[in-house]
Amino acid sequence: MDTLALVLVIIGAINWGLIGLFSFDLVASLFGGQTALLSRIVYSLVGLAGLYSITFLMGNRPHTDVKRE
């Protein structure tokens, strides 16, 4: 789940960078415009991943101990 959230946050960051630098919305271009259903789903998933990623900053995430031999 953490990896998926991180990938979605990176996609969002790249998209926002493209919007800011070049006024180009990659997600909208790929999925049929900003109001297209697929675009809205991607935007929603990126937003949820961003909210989930807040837990990375809080430090109260469970840690697993992996023993290597």
PDB file of N, CA and C in Angstrom:
ATOM      1  N   MET A   1       0.832  -1.193   0.000  1.00  0.00           N
ATOM      2  CA  MET A   1       0.000   0.000   0.000  1.00  0.00           C
ATOM      3  C   MET A   1       0.878   1.259   0.000  1.00  0.00           C
ATOM      4  N   ASP A   2       1.960   1.213   0.780  1.00  0.00           N
ATOM      5  CA  ASP A   2       2.848   2.377   0.833  1.00  0.00           C
ATOM      6  C   ASP A   2       3.445   2.675  -0.537  1.00  0.00           C
ATOM      7  N   THR A   3       3.858   1.636  -1.241  1.00  0.00           N
ATOM      8  CA  THR A   3       4.470   1.827  -2.563  1.00  0.00           C
ATOM      9  C   THR A   3       3.457   2.391  -3.547  1.00  0.00           C
ATOM     10  N   LEU A   4       2.248   1.879  -3.522  1.00  0.00           N
ATOM     11  CA  LEU A   4       1.202   2.390  -4.409  1.00  0.00           C
ATOM     12  C   LEU A   4       0.918   3.859  -4.115  1.00  0.00           C
ATOM     13  N   ALA A   5       0.819   4.205  -2.846  1.00  0.00           N
ATOM     14  CA  ALA A   5       0.582   5.600  -2.471  1.00  0.00           C
ATOM     15  C   ALA A   5       1.723   6.490  -2.953  1.00  0.00           C
ATOM     16  N   LEU A   6       2.949   6.019  -2.789  1.00  0.00           N
ATOM     17  CA  LEU A   6       4.097   6.808  -3.218  1.00  0.00           C
ATOM     18  C   LEU A   6       4.105   6.999  -4.730  1.00  0.00           C
ATOM     19  N   VAL A   7       3.795   5.963  -5.487  1.00  0.00           N
ATOM     20  CA  VAL A   7       3.735   6.077  -6.943  1.00  0.00           C
ATOM     21  C   VAL A   7       2.677   7.097  -7.366  1.00  0.00           C
ATOM     22  N   LEU A   8       1.514   7.038  -6.732  1.00  0.00           N
ATOM     23  CA  LEU A   8       0.449   7.986  -7.071  1.00  0.00           C
ATOM     24  C   LEU A   8       0.816   9.418  -6.699  1.00  0.00           C
ATOM     25  N   VAL A   9       1.486   9.598  -5.580  1.00  0.00           N
ATOM     26  CA  VAL A   9       1.926  10.939  -5.181  1.00  0.00           C
ATOM     27  C   VAL A   9       2.965  11.462  -6.185  1.00  0.00           C
ATOM     28  N   ILE A  10       3.850  10.602  -6.641  1.00  0.00           N
ATOM     29  CA  ILE A  10       4.842  11.010  -7.648  1.00  0.00           C
ATOM     30  C   ILE A  10       4.153  11.391  -8.951  1.00  0.00           C
ATOM     31  N   ILE A  11       3.162  10.614  -9.369  1.00  0.00           N
ATOM     32  CA  ILE A  11       2.398  10.960 -10.575  1.00  0.00           C
ATOM     33  C   ILE A  11       1.753  12.331 -10.410  1.00  0.00           C
ATOM     34  N   GLY A  12       1.165  12.572  -9.249  1.00  0.00           N
ATOM     35  CA  GLY A  12       0.556  13.877  -8.988  1.00  0.00           C
ATOM     36  C   GLY A  12       1.567  15.007  -9.009  1.00  0.00           C
ATOM     37  N   ALA A  13       2.732  14.757  -8.429  1.00  0.00           N
ATOM     38  CA  ALA A  13       3.773  15.792  -8.402  1.00  0.00           C
ATOM     39  C   ALA A  13       4.264  16.112  -9.813  1.00  0.00           C
ATOM     40  N   ILE A  14       4.471  15.086 -10.609  1.00  0.00           N
ATOM     41  CA  ILE A  14       4.896  15.315 -11.994  1.00  0.00           C
ATOM     42  C   ILE A  14       3.817  16.080 -12.757  1.00  0.00           C
ATOM     43  N   ASN A  15       2.565  15.702 -12.569  1.00  0.00           N
ATOM     44  CA  ASN A  15       1.476  16.389 -13.259  1.00  0.00           C
ATOM     45  C   ASN A  15       1.412  17.863 -12.846  1.00  0.00           C
ATOM     46  N   TRP A  16       1.509  18.133 -11.544  1.00  0.00           N
ATOM     47  CA  TRP A  16       1.476  19.522 -11.082  1.00  0.00           C
ATOM     48  C   TRP A  16       2.692  20.299 -11.580  1.00  0.00           C
ATOM     49  N   GLY A  17       3.846  19.654 -11.657  1.00  0.00           N
ATOM     50  CA  GLY A  17       5.031  20.314 -12.210  1.00  0.00           C
ATOM     51  C   GLY A  17       4.828  20.701 -13.663  1.00  0.00           C
ATOM     52  N   LEU A  18       4.243  19.788 -14.422  1.00  0.00           N
ATOM     53  CA  LEU A  18       3.967  20.088 -15.834  1.00  0.00           C
ATOM     54  C   LEU A  18       2.945  21.209 -15.978  1.00  0.00           C
ATOM     55  N   ILE A  19       1.944  21.215 -15.116  1.00  0.00           N
ATOM     56  CA  ILE A  19       0.953  22.293 -15.154  1.00  0.00           C
ATOM     57  C   ILE A  19       1.614  23.628 -14.831  1.00  0.00           C
ATOM     58  N   GLY A  20       2.428  23.642 -13.779  1.00  0.00           N
ATOM     59  CA  GLY A  20       3.073  24.889 -13.367  1.00  0.00           C
ATOM     60  C   GLY A  20       4.080  25.414 -14.367  1.00  0.00           C
ATOM     61  N   LEU A  21       4.862  24.523 -14.961  1.00  0.00           N
ATOM     62  CA  LEU A  21       5.923  24.963 -15.866  1.00  0.00           C
ATOM     63  C   LEU A  21       5.449  25.184 -17.295  1.00  0.00           C
ATOM     64  N   PHE A  22       4.539  24.334 -17.751  1.00  0.00           N
ATOM     65  CA  PHE A  22       4.178  24.360 -19.169  1.00  0.00           C
ATOM     66  C   PHE A  22       2.683  24.487 -19.446  1.00  0.00           C
ATOM     67  N   SER A  23       1.870  24.645 -18.413  1.00  0.00           N
ATOM     68  CA  SER A  23       0.415  24.684 -18.557  1.00  0.00           C
ATOM     69  C   SER A  23      -0.093  23.448 -19.304  1.00  0.00           C
ATOM     70  N   PHE A  24       0.500  22.302 -18.986  1.00  0.00           N
ATOM     71  CA  PHE A  24       0.143  21.050 -19.651  1.00  0.00           C
ATOM     72  C   PHE A  24      -0.301  20.040 -18.601  1.00  0.00           C
ATOM     73  N   ASP A  25      -1.546  19.609 -18.693  1.00  0.00           N
ATOM     74  CA  ASP A  25      -2.102  18.630 -17.759  1.00  0.00           C
ATOM     75  C   ASP A  25      -2.006  17.252 -18.399  1.00  0.00           C
ATOM     76  N   LEU A  26      -1.007  16.473 -18.000  1.00  0.00           N
ATOM     77  CA  LEU A  26      -0.756  15.161 -18.582  1.00  0.00           C
ATOM     78  C   LEU A  26      -1.917  14.201 -18.344  1.00  0.00           C
ATOM     79  N   VAL A  27      -2.455  14.197 -17.131  1.00  0.00           N
ATOM     80  CA  VAL A  27      -3.572  13.296 -16.814  1.00  0.00           C
ATOM     81  C   VAL A  27      -4.767  13.601 -17.715  1.00  0.00           C
ATOM     82  N   ALA A  28      -5.103  14.862 -17.855  1.00  0.00           N
ATOM     83  CA  ALA A  28      -6.230  15.242 -18.713  1.00  0.00           C
ATOM     84  C   ALA A  28      -5.954  14.866 -20.166  1.00  0.00           C
ATOM     85  N   SER A  29      -4.729  15.034 -20.607  1.00  0.00           N
ATOM     86  CA  SER A  29      -4.378  14.694 -21.987  1.00  0.00           C
ATOM     87  C   SER A  29      -4.499  13.199 -22.246  1.00  0.00           C
ATOM     88  N   LEU A  30      -4.094  12.404 -21.273  1.00  0.00           N
ATOM     89  CA  LEU A  30      -4.124  10.951 -21.447  1.00  0.00           C
ATOM     90  C   LEU A  30      -5.522  10.364 -21.344  1.00  0.00           C
ATOM     91  N   PHE A  31      -6.371  10.977 -20.508  1.00  0.00           N
ATOM     92  CA  PHE A  31      -7.651  10.351 -20.197  1.00  0.00           C
ATOM     93  C   PHE A  31      -8.872  11.130 -20.670  1.00  0.00           C
ATOM     94  N   GLY A  32      -8.702  12.096 -21.563  1.00  0.00           N
ATOM     95  CA  GLY A  32      -9.852  12.711 -22.207  1.00  0.00           C
ATOM     96  C   GLY A  32     -10.356  14.002 -21.602  1.00  0.00           C
ATOM     97  N   GLY A  33      -9.514  14.766 -20.957  1.00  0.00           N
ATOM     98  CA  GLY A  33      -9.934  16.044 -20.401  1.00  0.00           C
ATOM     99  C   GLY A  33     -10.104  15.984 -18.891  1.00  0.00           C
ATOM    100  N   GLN A  34     -10.127  17.159 -18.283  1.00  0.00           N
ATOM    101  CA  GLN A  34     -10.206  17.234 -16.822  1.00  0.00           C
ATOM    102  C   GLN A  34     -11.502  16.700 -16.259  1.00  0.00           C
ATOM    103  N   THR A  35     -12.576  16.782 -17.006  1.00  0.00           N
ATOM    104  CA  THR A  35     -13.872  16.338 -16.485  1.00  0.00           C
ATOM    105  C   THR A  35     -14.229  14.910 -16.887  1.00  0.00           C
ATOM    106  N   ALA A  36     -13.350  14.255 -17.649  1.00  0.00           N
ATOM    107  CA  ALA A  36     -13.602  12.869 -18.049  1.00  0.00           C
ATOM    108  C   ALA A  36     -13.565  11.968 -16.814  1.00  0.00           C
ATOM    109  N   LEU A  37     -14.345  10.934 -16.832  1.00  0.00           N
ATOM    110  CA  LEU A  37     -14.456  10.031 -15.687  1.00  0.00           C
ATOM    111  C   LEU A  37     -13.102   9.446 -15.283  1.00  0.00           C
ATOM    112  N   LEU A  38     -12.327   8.978 -16.255  1.00  0.00           N
ATOM    113  CA  LEU A  38     -11.021   8.399 -15.922  1.00  0.00           C
ATOM    114  C   LEU A  38     -10.084   9.426 -15.301  1.00  0.00           C
ATOM    115  N   SER A  39     -10.087  10.640 -15.817  1.00  0.00           N
ATOM    116  CA  SER A  39      -9.259  11.699 -15.226  1.00  0.00           C
ATOM    117  C   SER A  39      -9.670  11.971 -13.795  1.00  0.00           C
ATOM    118  N   ARG A  40     -10.958  12.041 -13.562  1.00  0.00           N
ATOM    119  CA  ARG A  40     -11.448  12.306 -12.204  1.00  0.00           C
ATOM    120  C   ARG A  40     -11.079  11.176 -11.255  1.00  0.00           C
ATOM    121  N   ILE A  41     -11.088   9.951 -11.756  1.00  0.00           N
ATOM    122  CA  ILE A  41     -10.676   8.814 -10.925  1.00  0.00           C
ATOM    123  C   ILE A  41      -9.195   8.926 -10.570  1.00  0.00           C
ATOM    124  N   VAL A  42      -8.356   9.248 -11.567  1.00  0.00           N
ATOM    125  CA  VAL A  42      -6.926   9.403 -11.304  1.00  0.00           C
ATOM    126  C   VAL A  42      -6.688  10.546 -10.322  1.00  0.00           C
ATOM    127  N   TYR A  43      -7.338  11.688 -10.534  1.00  0.00           N
ATOM    128  CA  TYR A  43      -7.184  12.812  -9.605  1.00  0.00           C
ATOM    129  C   TYR A  43      -7.601  12.408  -8.189  1.00  0.00           C
ATOM    130  N   SER A  44      -8.687  11.674  -8.071  1.00  0.00           N
ATOM    131  CA  SER A  44      -9.173  11.237  -6.756  1.00  0.00           C
ATOM    132  C   SER A  44      -8.190  10.282  -6.090  1.00  0.00           C
ATOM    133  N   LEU A  45      -7.667   9.340  -6.860  1.00  0.00           N
ATOM    134  CA  LEU A  45      -6.697   8.397  -6.301  1.00  0.00           C
ATOM    135  C   LEU A  45      -5.417   9.094  -5.863  1.00  0.00           C
ATOM    136  N   VAL A  46      -4.967  10.064  -6.649  1.00  0.00           N
ATOM    137  CA  VAL A  46      -3.775  10.836  -6.271  1.00  0.00           C
ATOM    138  C   VAL A  46      -4.044  11.610  -4.992  1.00  0.00           C
ATOM    139  N   GLY A  47      -5.221  12.206  -4.878  1.00  0.00           N
ATOM    140  CA  GLY A  47      -5.579  12.934  -3.662  1.00  0.00           C
ATOM    141  C   GLY A  47      -5.639  12.034  -2.439  1.00  0.00           C
ATOM    142  N   LEU A  48      -6.242  10.866  -2.587  1.00  0.00           N
ATOM    143  CA  LEU A  48      -6.305   9.913  -1.473  1.00  0.00           C
ATOM    144  C   LEU A  48      -4.909   9.416  -1.094  1.00  0.00           C
ATOM    145  N   ALA A  49      -4.069   9.198  -2.098  1.00  0.00           N
ATOM    146  CA  ALA A  49      -2.693   8.777  -1.818  1.00  0.00           C
ATOM    147  C   ALA A  49      -1.933   9.862  -1.069  1.00  0.00           C
ATOM    148  N   GLY A  50      -2.187  11.116  -1.425  1.00  0.00           N
ATOM    149  CA  GLY A  50      -1.558  12.221  -0.702  1.00  0.00           C
ATOM    150  C   GLY A  50      -1.992  12.268   0.748  1.00  0.00           C
ATOM    151  N   LEU A  51      -3.286  12.071   0.987  1.00  0.00           N
ATOM    152  CA  LEU A  51      -3.775  12.042   2.371  1.00  0.00           C
ATOM    153  C   LEU A  51      -3.180  10.868   3.138  1.00  0.00           C
ATOM    154  N   TYR A  52      -3.124   9.712   2.496  1.00  0.00           N
ATOM    155  CA  TYR A  52      -2.530   8.534   3.135  1.00  0.00           C
ATOM    156  C   TYR A  52      -1.058   8.780   3.451  1.00  0.00           C
ATOM    157  N   SER A  53      -0.362   9.478   2.559  1.00  0.00           N
ATOM    158  CA  SER A  53       1.071   9.723   2.719  1.00  0.00           C
ATOM    159  C   SER A  53       1.391  10.660   3.876  1.00  0.00           C
ATOM    160  N   ILE A  54       0.405  11.364   4.374  1.00  0.00           N
ATOM    161  CA  ILE A  54       0.625  12.209   5.555  1.00  0.00           C
ATOM    162  C   ILE A  54       1.123  11.356   6.709  1.00  0.00           C
ATOM    163  N   THR A  55       0.689  10.093   6.752  1.00  0.00           N
ATOM    164  CA  THR A  55       1.133   9.219   7.837  1.00  0.00           C
ATOM    165  C   THR A  55       2.628   8.977   7.800  1.00  0.00           C
ATOM    166  N   PHE A  56       3.264   9.143   6.639  1.00  0.00           N
ATOM    167  CA  PHE A  56       4.717   9.000   6.561  1.00  0.00           C
ATOM    168  C   PHE A  56       5.404  10.065   7.410  1.00  0.00           C
ATOM    169  N   LEU A  57       4.800  11.231   7.518  1.00  0.00           N
ATOM    170  CA  LEU A  57       5.388  12.334   8.280  1.00  0.00           C
ATOM    171  C   LEU A  57       5.146  12.228   9.781  1.00  0.00           C
ATOM    172  N   MET A  58       4.101  11.561  10.161  1.00  0.00           N
ATOM    173  CA  MET A  58       3.705  11.525  11.569  1.00  0.00           C
ATOM    174  C   MET A  58       4.582  10.614  12.419  1.00  0.00           C
ATOM    175  N   GLY A  59       5.240   9.679  11.806  1.00  0.00           N
ATOM    176  CA  GLY A  59       6.152   8.832  12.551  1.00  0.00           C
ATOM    177  C   GLY A  59       5.483   7.772  13.413  1.00  0.00           C
ATOM    178  N   ASN A  60       4.182   7.676  13.420  1.00  0.00           N
ATOM    179  CA  ASN A  60       3.515   6.680  14.242  1.00  0.00           C
ATOM    180  C   ASN A  60       3.034   5.500  13.406  1.00  0.00           C
ATOM    181  N   ARG A  61       3.806   5.185  12.395  1.00  0.00           N
ATOM    182  CA  ARG A  61       3.493   4.043  11.560  1.00  0.00           C
ATOM    183  C   ARG A  61       4.120   2.810  12.175  1.00  0.00           C
ATOM    184  N   PRO A  62       3.484   1.682  12.057  1.00  0.00           N
ATOM    185  CA  PRO A  62       4.074   0.448  12.613  1.00  0.00           C
ATOM    186  C   PRO A  62       5.330   0.051  11.827  1.00  0.00           C
ATOM    187  N   HIS A  63       6.329  -0.382  12.555  1.00  0.00           N
ATOM    188  CA  HIS A  63       7.576  -0.830  11.932  1.00  0.00           C
ATOM    189  C   HIS A  63       7.671  -2.338  12.069  1.00  0.00           C
ATOM    190  N   THR A  64       8.153  -2.965  11.029  1.00  0.00           N
ATOM    191  CA  THR A  64       8.337  -4.403  11.109  1.00  0.00           C
ATOM    192  C   THR A  64       9.821  -4.693  11.187  1.00  0.00           C
ATOM    193  N   ASP A  65      10.171  -5.593  12.057  1.00  0.00           N
ATOM    194  CA  ASP A  65      11.560  -5.994  12.184  1.00  0.00           C
ATOM    195  C   ASP A  65      11.802  -7.193  11.277  1.00  0.00           C
ATOM    196  N   VAL A  66      12.742  -7.027  10.400  1.00  0.00           N
ATOM    197  CA  VAL A  66      13.082  -8.107   9.489  1.00  0.00           C
ATOM    198  C   VAL A  66      14.444  -8.638   9.917  1.00  0.00           C
ATOM    199  N   LYS A  67      14.478  -9.885  10.279  1.00  0.00           N
ATOM    200  CA  LYS A  67      15.737 -10.491  10.698  1.00  0.00           C
ATOM    201  C   LYS A  67      16.407 -11.120   9.494  1.00  0.00           C
ATOM    202  N   ARG A  68      17.634 -10.729   9.282  1.00  0.00           N
ATOM    203  CA  ARG A  68      18.398 -11.286   8.175  1.00  0.00           C
ATOM    204  C   ARG A  68      19.499 -12.169   8.733  1.00  0.00           C
ATOM    205  N   GLU A  69      19.666 -13.288   8.111  1.00  0.00           N
ATOM    206  CA  GLU A  69      20.693 -14.221   8.587  1.00  0.00           C
ATOM    207  C   GLU A  69      21.812 -14.341   7.623  1.00  0.00           C
TER     208      GLU A  69
END
